[in-house]
C-alpha atoms as a PDB file:
ATOM      1  CA  MET A   1     -39.185 -14.823 -25.733  1.00  0.00           C
ATOM      2  CA  ARG A   2     -37.483 -13.701 -22.610  1.00  0.00           C
ATOM      3  CA  GLY A   3     -40.123 -15.254 -20.345  1.00  0.00           C
ATOM      4  CA  ARG A   4     -39.983 -18.616 -22.161  1.00  0.00           C
ATOM      5  CA  SER A   5     -36.135 -18.725 -21.787  1.00  0.00           C
ATOM      6  CA  ILE A   6     -36.428 -18.176 -18.015  1.00  0.00           C
ATOM      7  CA  VAL A   7     -39.061 -20.895 -17.655  1.00  0.00           C
ATOM      8  CA  ALA A   8     -36.946 -23.282 -19.750  1.00  0.00           C
ATOM      9  CA  LEU A   9     -33.898 -22.572 -17.619  1.00  0.00           C
ATOM     10  CA  VAL A  10     -35.884 -23.039 -14.441  1.00  0.00           C
ATOM     11  CA  LEU A  11     -37.209 -26.397 -15.746  1.00  0.00           C
ATOM     12  CA  VAL A  12     -33.688 -27.504 -16.750  1.00  0.00           C
ATOM     13  CA  GLY A  13     -32.398 -26.477 -13.388  1.00  0.00           C
ATOM     14  CA  PHE A  14     -35.218 -28.357 -11.605  1.00  0.00           C
ATOM     15  CA  VAL A  15     -34.485 -31.491 -13.616  1.00  0.00           C
ATOM     16  CA  LEU A  16     -30.744 -31.262 -12.845  1.00  0.00           C
ATOM     17  CA  VAL A  17     -31.368 -30.725  -9.126  1.00  0.00           C
ATOM     18  CA  SER A  18     -33.937 -33.538  -9.040  1.00  0.00           C
ATOM     19  CA  THR A  19     -31.525 -35.865 -10.822  1.00  0.00           C
ATOM     20  CA  GLY A  20     -28.814 -34.993  -8.309  1.00  0.00           C
ATOM     21  CA  VAL A  21     -31.127 -35.644  -5.362  1.00  0.00           C
ATOM     22  CA  ILE A  22     -32.281 -38.971  -6.771  1.00  0.00           C
ATOM     23  CA  TRP A  23     -28.700 -40.061  -7.486  1.00  0.00           C
ATOM     24  CA  ARG A  24     -27.607 -39.059  -3.941  1.00  0.00           C
ATOM     25  CA  ARG A  25     -30.477 -41.018  -2.360  1.00  0.00           C
ATOM     26  CA  SER A  26     -29.755 -44.041  -4.500  1.00  0.00           C
ATOM     27  CA  PHE A  27     -26.080 -43.845  -3.562  1.00  0.00           C
ATOM     28  CA  GLY A  28     -26.972 -43.480   0.141  1.00  0.00           C
ATOM     29  CA  ASN A  29     -29.318 -46.453  -0.008  1.00  0.00           C
ATOM     30  CA  ALA A  30     -26.628 -48.579  -1.651  1.00  0.00           C
ATOM     31  CA  ARG A  31     -24.110 -47.536   1.008  1.00  0.00           C
ATOM     32  CA  ALA A  32     -26.632 -48.363   3.755  1.00  0.00           C
ATOM     33  CA  ARG A  33     -27.243 -51.863   2.296  1.00  0.00           C
ATOM     34  CA  GLU A  34     -23.465 -52.401   2.107  1.00  0.00           C
ATOM     35  CA  GLN A  35     -22.999 -51.230   5.696  1.00  0.00           C
ATOM     36  CA  GLN A  36     -25.745 -53.564   6.878  1.00  0.00           C
ATOM     37  CA  ARG A  37     -24.135 -56.471   5.019  1.00  0.00           C
ATOM     38  CA  LEU A  38     -20.747 -55.692   6.580  1.00  0.00           C
ATOM     39  CA  GLU A  39     -22.265 -55.476  10.070  1.00  0.00           C
ATOM     40  CA  GLN A  40     -23.880 -58.858   9.616  1.00  0.00           C
ATOM     41  CA  GLN A  41     -20.558 -60.294   8.419  1.00  0.00           C
ATOM     42  CA  ARG A  42     -18.817 -58.731  11.414  1.00  0.00           C
ATOM     43  CA  GLY A  43     -21.309 -60.319  13.775  1.00  0.00           C
ATOM     44  CA  ALA A  44     -20.798 -63.730  12.176  1.00  0.00           C
ATOM     45  CA  LEU A  45     -17.012 -63.302  12.438  1.00  0.00           C
ATOM     46  CA  GLU A  46     -17.202 -62.255  16.118  1.00  0.00           C
ATOM     47  CA  ALA A  47     -19.362 -65.335  16.833  1.00  0.00           C
ATOM     48  CA  GLU A  48     -16.831 -67.565  15.053  1.00  0.00           C
ATOM     49  CA  ARG A  49     -13.993 -65.936  17.018  1.00  0.00           C
ATOM     50  CA  ALA A  50     -15.777 -66.592  20.317  1.00  0.00           C
ATOM     51  CA  LYS A  51     -16.338 -70.244  19.279  1.00  0.00           C
ATOM     52  CA  LEU A  52     -12.666 -70.644  18.342  1.00  0.00           C
ATOM     53  CA  GLU A  53     -11.517 -69.103  21.644  1.00  0.00           C
ATOM     54  CA  GLY A  54     -13.725 -71.625  23.433  1.00  0.00           C
ATOM     55  CA  ASP A  55     -12.290 -74.428  21.352  1.00  0.00           C
ATOM     56  CA  ILE A  56      -8.780 -73.286  22.276  1.00  0.00           C
ATOM     57  CA  ARG A  57      -9.688 -73.159  25.972  1.00  0.00           C
ATOM     58  CA  ASP A  58     -11.156 -76.690  25.783  1.00  0.00           C
ATOM     59  CA  ALA A  59      -8.167 -78.084  23.842  1.00  0.00           C
ATOM     60  CA  SER A  60      -5.625 -76.532  26.244  1.00  0.00           C
ATOM     61  CA  SER A  61      -7.365 -77.740  29.390  1.00  0.00           C
ATOM     62  CA  ARG A  62      -5.342 -79.997  31.700  1.00  0.00           C
ATOM     63  CA  ALA A  63      -7.680 -82.942  31.202  1.00  0.00           C
ATOM     64  CA  THR A  64      -7.425 -82.782  27.393  1.00  0.00           C
ATOM     65  CA  LEU A  65      -3.636 -82.325  27.443  1.00  0.00           C
ATOM     66  CA  ALA A  66      -3.223 -85.250  29.874  1.00  0.00           C
ATOM     67  CA  LYS A  67      -5.320 -87.480  27.588  1.00  0.00           C
ATOM     68  CA  VAL A  68      -3.293 -86.455  24.511  1.00  0.00           C
ATOM     69  CA  ALA A  69       0.006 -86.992  26.330  1.00  0.00           C
ATOM     70  CA  GLU A  70      -1.054 -90.470  27.399  1.00  0.00           C
ATOM     71  CA  GLU A  71      -2.467 -91.548  23.992  1.00  0.00           C
ATOM     72  CA  ARG A  72      -0.014 -90.004  21.549  1.00  0.00           C
ATOM     73  CA  LEU A  73       3.191 -89.685  23.573  1.00  0.00           C
ATOM     74  CA  ASN A  74       2.691 -92.767  25.761  1.00  0.00           C
ATOM     75  CA  MET A  75       3.257 -90.648  28.855  1.00  0.00           C
ATOM     76  CA  HIS A  76       1.628 -91.143  32.236  1.00  0.00           C
ATOM     77  CA  ILE A  77       1.644 -89.649  35.690  1.00  0.00           C
ATOM     78  CA  PRO A  78       4.255 -91.579  37.721  1.00  0.00           C
ATOM     79  CA  SER A  79       3.406 -93.191  41.015  1.00  0.00           C
ATOM     80  CA  ASP A  80       5.102 -91.943  44.185  1.00  0.00           C
ATOM     81  CA  SER A  81       7.637 -94.763  43.984  1.00  0.00           C
ATOM     82  CA  LEU A  82       8.783 -93.649  40.522  1.00  0.00           C
ATOM     83  CA  VAL A  83       9.500 -90.073  41.513  1.00  0.00           C
ATOM     84  CA  ILE A  84      13.223 -89.324  41.618  1.00  0.00           C
ATOM     85  CA  TYR A  85      14.471 -86.265  43.489  1.00  0.00           C
ATOM     86  CA  LEU A  86      17.657 -84.783  42.161  1.00  0.00           C
ATOM     87  CA  GLN A  87      19.992 -82.711  44.325  1.00  0.00           C
ATOM     88  CA  ARG A  88      21.452 -79.491  43.104  1.00  0.00           C
ATOM     89  CA  PRO A  89      25.230 -79.516  42.617  1.00  0.00           C
ATOM     90  CA  ALA A  90      27.118 -77.521  45.224  1.00  0.00           C
ATOM     91  CA  LYS A  91      27.759 -73.903  44.335  1.00  0.00           C
ATOM     92  CA  ARG A  92      31.285 -73.125  43.326  1.00  0.00           C
ATOM     93  CA  ARG A  93      32.989 -70.239  45.027  1.00  0.00           C
ATOM     94  CA  ALA A  94      34.420 -67.536  42.882  1.00  0.00           C
ATOM     95  CA  PRO A  95      38.186 -67.228  43.187  1.00  0.00           C
ATOM     96  CA  ARG A  96      39.218 -64.292  45.354  1.00  0.00           C
ATOM     97  CA  ASP A  97      41.146 -61.467  43.869  1.00  0.00           C
ATOM     98  CA  PRO A  98      44.486 -61.339  45.764  1.00  0.00           C
ATOM     99  CA  HIS A  99      44.831 -57.600  45.236  1.00  0.00           C
END
C-alpha cells in the first residue's frame, strides 16, 4: 500500500503543477493580448495628437488669423495713410531730496 500512496501523491502533485503551469500561461497570454491592445490604442492616440497639433499650427498661422480677424471682427490692415504715430509723454523727473 505504501507504493500506491506514493504514486497517487506523485500523480496529484503532477496534476497540481500542470494546472498551475496552464493557468500561468493562460494568464500570460491574456496579459499579452491586453498589452497589444493598449499599444494599438496608444499608437492611435499619438496619431490623433499629431493631427491635432497640426490643426493648431494651421489655425494659428498668420494667414488664418488675418482672415478670421477680417471676417469676424471686421478688422483690416490699415494703409500707410491711416497709420498714426503716437509720441511718448515726456519723462517726469523725480523730486530731489533736499537732505
